[in-house]
Amino acid sequence: MLLNGNKGKYMSSHDNLHSALREIRDYRKISHQINTSLLSQFTSAIKIWYNENRRQLPWRETDNQFYIYVSEIMLQQTQVNRVLLKYDEFIQKFKTFYDIANSDIPHLITSWQGLGYNRRILNLYKASIIICNKYSGNVPDTYNNLLNLPGIGAGTAGSLLAFVHNKPSVFIETNVRTLYSYAFFPDRDQIDDKSLMPLIEQTVDIDSPREWYYALMDAGSYLKQSIRVPNSLSKHYTKQSKFSGSKREIRGGILKILGNQSQVTLNEIETKYPETKHDIQSIAGDLINEGFILCDSMGNYALNTIKKSPS
């Protein structure tokens, strides 16, 4: 802890972080300039805070490419605490991309239960086949090759470069977005990511990008918990739709039904959702198109058990 000369009392690392961010915000209120000194003040404050407050997360304590990749897919739309409940169990079942690629969809869906957004496990399955066939079971180390994998967008491609390969990359996720928006744009809301990306690029630690992004994410997460940061800060914030009664709930429900029964008819599915306003047949059609389920000539639905193992 550092001594605060003005108050004559010791300041915690949390106090020091808040103090540094306030100074940056105060400066920005009177100046439109973001100079190298201000950026250095920001990076120094984040690193000092992180040294004392680094989160101990299992995917940070390994250099196993598969484990890190799995964690990034899990974290795409799921909070850390929920991922922690599932991560160890999942990697005990599947230890390599080959294990995923050689599995079948019903087993993968069952293993993914509790995380939601089942498209992610299907994309992980498809990506694993590509990674095994094209990259000998190793995560690609270029941005464009990562983008070509199913389920990998710009943000995840950047995070995989940083976390798997420790390569400098420029990407944004929710905690990073919160931190930069709060620090550098005190008088604005609806901030576009285009305004943040140059700042992120200028502050990336090219020698240790992996730890730097961990620091940003941890500091951003702490900031959200310690003060009320309005969602309106970001132009890209969208409120998550209600799960109960949603298409997402029905999609998951259909997969769960088919996990317990070898096959069901459309009518049997519809009886499970008598009050829904959604078109069950259309939702089932989406699941067929995405590769989750099959429908035979008699109209019976079943989970897709066809394997597409690595060649």
Protein backbone atom coordinates (compact mmCIF):
# COMPACT_ATOMS: atom_id res chain seq x y z
CA MET A 1 0.00 0.00 0.00
CA LEU A 2 1.12 3.54 -0.72
CA LEU A 3 1.11 6.51 1.59
CA ASN A 4 -1.23 9.29 0.53
CA GLY A 5 0.53 12.50 1.50
CA ASN A 6 -2.62 14.62 1.29
CA LYS A 7 -4.68 12.51 3.67
CA GLY A 8 -1.89 11.13 5.82
CA LYS A 9 -3.23 7.59 5.63
CA TYR A 10 -2.39 4.44 3.74
CA MET A 11 -4.21 3.78 0.50
CA SER A 12 -5.12 0.33 -0.73
CA SER A 13 -4.42 -0.77 -4.28
CA HIS A 14 -8.12 -0.23 -4.98
CA ASP A 15 -7.94 3.34 -3.69
CA ASN A 16 -4.88 4.01 -5.82
CA LEU A 17 -6.61 2.71 -8.94
CA HIS A 18 -9.68 4.87 -8.36
CA SER A 19 -7.46 7.87 -7.64
CA ALA A 20 -5.47 7.38 -10.86
CA LEU A 21 -8.62 6.98 -12.94
CA ARG A 22 -10.14 10.11 -11.38
CA GLU A 23 -7.03 12.09 -12.30
CA ILE A 24 -7.25 10.87 -15.89
CA ARG A 25 -10.97 11.68 -16.04
CA ASP A 26 -10.41 15.15 -14.54
CA TYR A 27 -7.69 15.88 -17.08
CA ARG A 28 -9.92 14.76 -19.94
CA LYS A 29 -12.69 17.08 -18.77
CA ILE A 30 -10.46 20.08 -19.41
CA SER A 31 -8.42 18.79 -22.34
CA HIS A 32 -9.28 17.07 -25.60
CA GLN A 33 -5.77 15.68 -25.83
CA ILE A 34 -4.76 12.15 -24.91
CA ASN A 35 -0.99 12.32 -24.76
CA THR A 36 1.62 9.66 -24.07
CA SER A 37 1.97 10.83 -20.47
CA LEU A 38 -1.72 10.21 -19.82
CA LEU A 39 -1.54 6.77 -21.44
CA SER A 40 1.53 5.93 -19.36
CA GLN A 41 -0.29 6.98 -16.20
CA PHE A 42 -3.16 4.68 -17.17
CA THR A 43 -1.00 1.63 -17.95
CA SER A 44 1.06 2.10 -14.79
CA ALA A 45 -2.05 2.31 -12.60
CA ILE A 46 -3.53 -0.84 -14.14
CA LYS A 47 -0.32 -2.85 -13.76
CA ILE A 48 0.22 -1.80 -10.14
CA TRP A 49 -3.36 -2.70 -9.24
CA TYR A 50 -3.16 -6.01 -11.14
CA ASN A 51 0.01 -7.11 -9.36
CA GLU A 52 -1.97 -7.23 -6.11
CA ASN A 53 -5.37 -8.28 -7.44
CA ARG A 54 -4.79 -10.77 -10.24
CA ARG A 55 -7.60 -13.32 -10.44
CA GLN A 56 -6.52 -16.94 -10.16
CA LEU A 57 -8.37 -18.69 -12.97
CA PRO A 58 -7.49 -22.21 -14.16
CA TRP A 59 -7.16 -21.31 -17.84
CA ARG A 60 -4.60 -18.67 -16.89
CA GLU A 61 -2.40 -21.23 -15.17
CA THR A 62 -1.78 -23.34 -18.28
CA ASP A 63 -0.15 -23.01 -21.68
CA ASN A 64 -2.30 -25.82 -23.12
CA GLN A 65 -3.72 -24.39 -26.34
CA PHE A 66 -6.87 -26.51 -26.24
CA TYR A 67 -7.73 -25.56 -22.66
CA ILE A 68 -7.28 -21.85 -23.36
CA TYR A 69 -9.32 -22.10 -26.56
CA VAL A 70 -12.15 -23.86 -24.72
CA SER A 71 -12.16 -21.19 -22.01
CA GLU A 72 -12.46 -18.42 -24.60
CA ILE A 73 -15.44 -20.13 -26.23
CA MET A 74 -17.10 -20.63 -22.85
CA LEU A 75 -16.49 -17.00 -21.88
CA GLN A 76 -17.97 -15.57 -25.08
CA GLN A 77 -21.46 -15.15 -23.61
CA THR A 78 -21.18 -16.58 -20.11
CA GLN A 79 -19.95 -14.98 -16.89
CA VAL A 80 -16.73 -16.19 -15.29
CA ASN A 81 -18.43 -17.68 -12.22
CA ARG A 82 -20.64 -19.93 -14.35
CA VAL A 83 -17.71 -20.98 -16.52
CA LEU A 84 -15.73 -21.95 -13.43
CA LEU A 85 -18.49 -24.40 -12.49
CA LYS A 86 -18.16 -26.21 -15.83
CA TYR A 87 -14.61 -25.74 -17.10
CA ASP A 88 -12.78 -28.43 -15.08
CA GLU A 89 -15.50 -31.00 -15.68
CA PHE A 90 -15.41 -30.33 -19.41
CA ILE A 91 -11.64 -30.59 -19.85
CA GLN A 92 -11.63 -33.82 -17.86
CA LYS A 93 -13.86 -35.29 -20.57
CA PHE A 94 -12.14 -33.66 -23.54
CA LYS A 95 -8.40 -33.07 -23.38
CA THR A 96 -7.59 -32.25 -27.02
CA PHE A 97 -9.20 -30.96 -30.18
CA TYR A 98 -9.10 -34.55 -31.41
CA ASP A 99 -11.32 -35.62 -28.51
CA ILE A 100 -13.92 -33.04 -29.54
CA ALA A 101 -13.64 -33.85 -33.25
CA ASN A 102 -14.07 -37.58 -32.62
CA SER A 103 -17.06 -37.12 -30.34
CA ASP A 104 -20.71 -37.00 -31.39
CA ILE A 105 -23.11 -34.09 -31.10
CA PRO A 106 -25.43 -35.62 -28.45
CA HIS A 107 -22.48 -36.27 -26.13
CA LEU A 108 -21.12 -32.77 -26.72
CA ILE A 109 -24.49 -31.13 -26.03
CA THR A 110 -24.88 -33.10 -22.80
CA SER A 111 -21.37 -32.10 -21.72
CA TRP A 112 -22.13 -28.45 -22.50
CA GLN A 113 -25.36 -28.31 -20.48
CA GLY A 114 -25.40 -25.46 -17.97
CA LEU A 115 -23.50 -23.01 -20.18
CA GLY A 116 -26.29 -22.19 -22.65
CA TYR A 117 -25.91 -20.86 -26.19
CA ASN A 118 -25.49 -24.36 -27.63
CA ARG A 119 -24.31 -23.00 -30.98
CA ARG A 120 -20.95 -22.57 -29.29
CA ILE A 121 -20.41 -26.28 -28.72
CA LEU A 122 -21.43 -27.05 -32.31
CA ASN A 123 -18.98 -24.40 -33.53
CA LEU A 124 -16.30 -25.84 -31.25
CA TYR A 125 -16.94 -29.24 -32.81
CA LYS A 126 -16.68 -27.88 -36.36
CA ALA A 127 -13.61 -25.80 -35.51
CA SER A 128 -11.92 -28.80 -33.87
CA ILE A 129 -12.25 -30.81 -37.08
CA ILE A 130 -10.63 -27.98 -39.05
CA ILE A 131 -7.88 -27.51 -36.45
CA CYS A 132 -7.10 -31.23 -36.50
CA ASN A 133 -7.18 -31.57 -40.29
CA LYS A 134 -5.47 -28.33 -41.24
CA TYR A 135 -3.30 -27.36 -38.26
CA SER A 136 -2.34 -30.73 -36.72
CA GLY A 137 -4.33 -30.02 -33.58
CA ASN A 138 -2.75 -26.61 -32.90
CA VAL A 139 -4.57 -23.28 -32.69
CA PRO A 140 -3.80 -21.11 -35.75
CA ASP A 141 -1.47 -18.23 -34.97
CA THR A 142 -2.67 -15.66 -37.50
CA TYR A 143 -5.69 -13.40 -37.26
CA ASN A 144 -7.17 -14.35 -40.63
CA ASN A 145 -6.82 -18.08 -40.04
CA LEU A 146 -8.54 -17.72 -36.68
CA LEU A 147 -11.37 -15.71 -38.24
CA ASN A 148 -11.99 -18.57 -40.65
CA LEU A 149 -12.86 -20.93 -37.79
CA PRO A 150 -16.56 -21.43 -36.99
CA GLY A 151 -17.74 -19.29 -34.09
CA ILE A 152 -14.69 -17.02 -34.08
CA GLY A 153 -15.30 -13.31 -34.57
CA ALA A 154 -12.91 -10.37 -34.45
CA GLY A 155 -12.85 -10.13 -30.66
CA THR A 156 -12.24 -13.82 -30.03
CA ALA A 157 -9.61 -13.98 -32.78
CA GLY A 158 -7.72 -11.18 -31.05
CA SER A 159 -8.07 -12.75 -27.62
CA LEU A 160 -6.82 -16.12 -28.90
CA LEU A 161 -3.73 -14.48 -30.39
CA ALA A 162 -3.00 -12.86 -27.03
CA PHE A 163 -3.90 -15.70 -24.68
CA VAL A 164 -2.86 -18.77 -26.69
CA HIS A 165 0.19 -17.35 -28.49
CA ASN A 166 1.04 -14.29 -26.37
CA LYS A 167 1.05 -12.21 -29.55
CA PRO A 168 0.25 -8.47 -29.47
CA SER A 169 -3.25 -7.95 -30.80
CA VAL A 170 -5.92 -5.30 -30.58
CA PHE A 171 -9.34 -6.45 -29.48
CA ILE A 172 -12.15 -5.35 -27.23
CA GLU A 173 -14.46 -7.13 -24.85
CA THR A 174 -16.97 -5.90 -22.30
CA ASN A 175 -14.61 -5.25 -19.35
CA VAL A 176 -11.95 -3.66 -21.55
CA ARG A 177 -14.64 -1.49 -23.12
CA THR A 178 -15.89 -0.35 -19.71
CA LEU A 179 -12.41 0.51 -18.46
CA TYR A 180 -11.32 2.64 -21.42
CA SER A 181 -14.71 4.33 -21.78
CA TYR A 182 -14.80 5.28 -18.11
CA ALA A 183 -11.20 6.49 -17.95
CA PHE A 184 -10.91 8.47 -21.17
CA PHE A 185 -14.43 9.68 -21.99
CA PRO A 186 -15.88 11.14 -18.76
CA ASP A 187 -18.31 13.52 -20.48
CA ARG A 188 -19.69 11.17 -23.13
CA ASP A 189 -21.96 8.22 -23.49
CA GLN A 190 -22.83 6.02 -26.46
CA ILE A 191 -19.10 5.71 -27.11
CA ASP A 192 -18.26 3.82 -30.28
CA ASP A 193 -15.60 1.11 -30.21
CA LYS A 194 -13.87 3.00 -33.04
CA SER A 195 -12.97 5.67 -30.48
CA LEU A 196 -11.52 3.09 -28.11
CA MET A 197 -9.51 0.89 -30.46
CA PRO A 198 -6.69 3.42 -31.10
CA LEU A 199 -6.22 3.79 -27.32
CA ILE A 200 -6.15 0.04 -26.84
CA GLU A 201 -3.59 -0.26 -29.64
CA GLN A 202 -1.36 2.44 -28.12
CA THR A 203 -1.37 0.83 -24.69
CA VAL A 204 -0.87 -2.85 -25.61
CA ASP A 205 2.14 -4.32 -23.83
CA ILE A 206 3.97 -5.82 -26.81
CA ASP A 207 6.30 -7.79 -24.52
CA SER A 208 3.53 -9.38 -22.47
CA PRO A 209 0.16 -8.94 -24.19
CA ARG A 210 -1.34 -11.95 -22.43
CA GLU A 211 -0.84 -10.55 -18.92
CA TRP A 212 -1.77 -7.05 -20.06
CA TYR A 213 -5.18 -8.13 -21.30
CA TYR A 214 -5.70 -10.17 -18.14
CA ALA A 215 -4.98 -6.98 -16.21
CA LEU A 216 -7.43 -4.94 -18.29
CA MET A 217 -10.18 -7.51 -17.89
CA ASP A 218 -9.67 -7.83 -14.14
CA ALA A 219 -9.56 -4.06 -13.64
CA GLY A 220 -12.65 -3.57 -15.79
CA SER A 221 -14.50 -6.27 -13.89
CA TYR A 222 -13.51 -4.70 -10.57
CA LEU A 223 -14.58 -1.26 -11.78
CA LYS A 224 -18.07 -2.55 -12.61
CA GLN A 225 -18.37 -4.05 -9.14
CA SER A 226 -17.00 -1.09 -7.20
CA ILE A 227 -18.87 1.78 -8.86
CA ARG A 228 -22.00 2.10 -10.91
CA VAL A 229 -20.80 2.40 -14.50
CA PRO A 230 -23.83 3.17 -16.70
CA ASN A 231 -24.46 0.82 -19.61
CA SER A 232 -25.17 3.88 -21.76
CA LEU A 233 -21.41 4.55 -21.85
CA SER A 234 -21.13 2.19 -24.79
CA LYS A 235 -22.92 2.48 -28.09
CA HIS A 236 -22.61 -1.29 -28.40
CA TYR A 237 -24.46 -2.24 -25.22
CA THR A 238 -27.53 -4.36 -25.79
CA LYS A 239 -29.69 -5.65 -22.98
CA GLN A 240 -29.89 -9.42 -22.98
CA SER A 241 -33.35 -10.58 -23.91
CA LYS A 242 -35.48 -12.40 -21.35
CA PHE A 243 -34.74 -16.13 -21.38
CA SER A 244 -38.10 -17.39 -20.12
CA GLY A 245 -40.42 -17.98 -23.06
CA SER A 246 -37.72 -17.09 -25.59
CA LYS A 247 -36.62 -18.97 -28.69
CA ARG A 248 -33.39 -19.74 -26.84
CA GLU A 249 -35.33 -21.51 -24.11
CA ILE A 250 -37.30 -23.55 -26.65
CA ARG A 251 -34.15 -24.44 -28.63
CA GLY A 252 -32.50 -25.71 -25.46
CA GLY A 253 -35.70 -27.49 -24.47
CA ILE A 254 -35.92 -29.36 -27.78
CA LEU A 255 -32.32 -30.52 -27.45
CA LYS A 256 -32.98 -31.64 -23.88
CA ILE A 257 -36.10 -33.58 -24.94
CA LEU A 258 -34.15 -35.31 -27.70
CA GLY A 259 -31.36 -36.08 -25.27
CA ASN A 260 -33.83 -38.07 -23.18
CA GLN A 261 -35.81 -39.67 -26.02
CA SER A 262 -34.47 -41.28 -29.17
CA GLN A 263 -37.01 -39.49 -31.36
CA VAL A 264 -40.11 -37.31 -31.07
CA THR A 265 -42.70 -35.83 -33.41
CA LEU A 266 -43.39 -32.14 -33.91
CA ASN A 267 -46.71 -32.54 -32.11
CA GLU A 268 -44.97 -34.03 -29.08
CA ILE A 269 -42.62 -31.06 -28.95
CA GLU A 270 -45.46 -28.57 -29.35
CA THR A 271 -47.36 -30.07 -26.41
CA LYS A 272 -44.44 -29.05 -24.19
CA TYR A 273 -44.99 -25.37 -25.10
CA PRO A 274 -48.78 -24.88 -25.29
CA GLU A 275 -48.65 -21.13 -24.60
CA THR A 276 -45.71 -20.13 -26.77
CA LYS A 277 -46.12 -17.56 -29.52
CA HIS A 278 -43.12 -18.94 -31.38
CA ASP A 279 -43.30 -21.27 -34.38
CA ILE A 280 -41.94 -24.57 -33.03
CA GLN A 281 -41.53 -26.06 -36.51
CA SER A 282 -39.46 -23.06 -37.59
CA ILE A 283 -37.24 -23.37 -34.51
CA ALA A 284 -36.79 -27.10 -35.19
CA GLY A 285 -35.94 -26.22 -38.79
CA ASP A 286 -33.21 -23.87 -37.58
CA LEU A 287 -31.74 -26.66 -35.44
CA ILE A 288 -31.75 -28.95 -38.47
CA ASN A 289 -30.02 -26.34 -40.64
CA GLU A 290 -27.38 -25.77 -37.96
CA GLY A 291 -26.65 -29.49 -37.70
CA PHE A 292 -28.01 -30.17 -34.21
CA ILE A 293 -30.91 -32.43 -35.15
CA LEU A 294 -32.30 -34.51 -38.02
CA CYS A 295 -35.83 -35.17 -39.27
CA ASP A 296 -36.73 -38.36 -41.13
CA SER A 297 -39.34 -38.85 -43.85
CA MET A 298 -41.96 -39.74 -41.23
CA GLY A 299 -41.51 -36.42 -39.44
CA ASN A 300 -39.60 -37.84 -36.47
CA TYR A 301 -36.94 -35.60 -34.95
CA ALA A 302 -33.72 -36.94 -33.41
CA LEU A 303 -30.33 -35.62 -32.38
CA ASN A 304 -27.73 -35.65 -35.13
CA THR A 305 -25.44 -38.59 -34.38
CA ILE A 306 -23.53 -38.46 -37.67
CA LYS A 307 -19.83 -37.98 -36.98
CA LYS A 308 -17.51 -35.88 -39.10
CA SER A 309 -14.27 -37.15 -37.66
CA PRO A 310 -10.91 -35.71 -38.75
CA SER A 311 -9.59 -37.20 -41.98
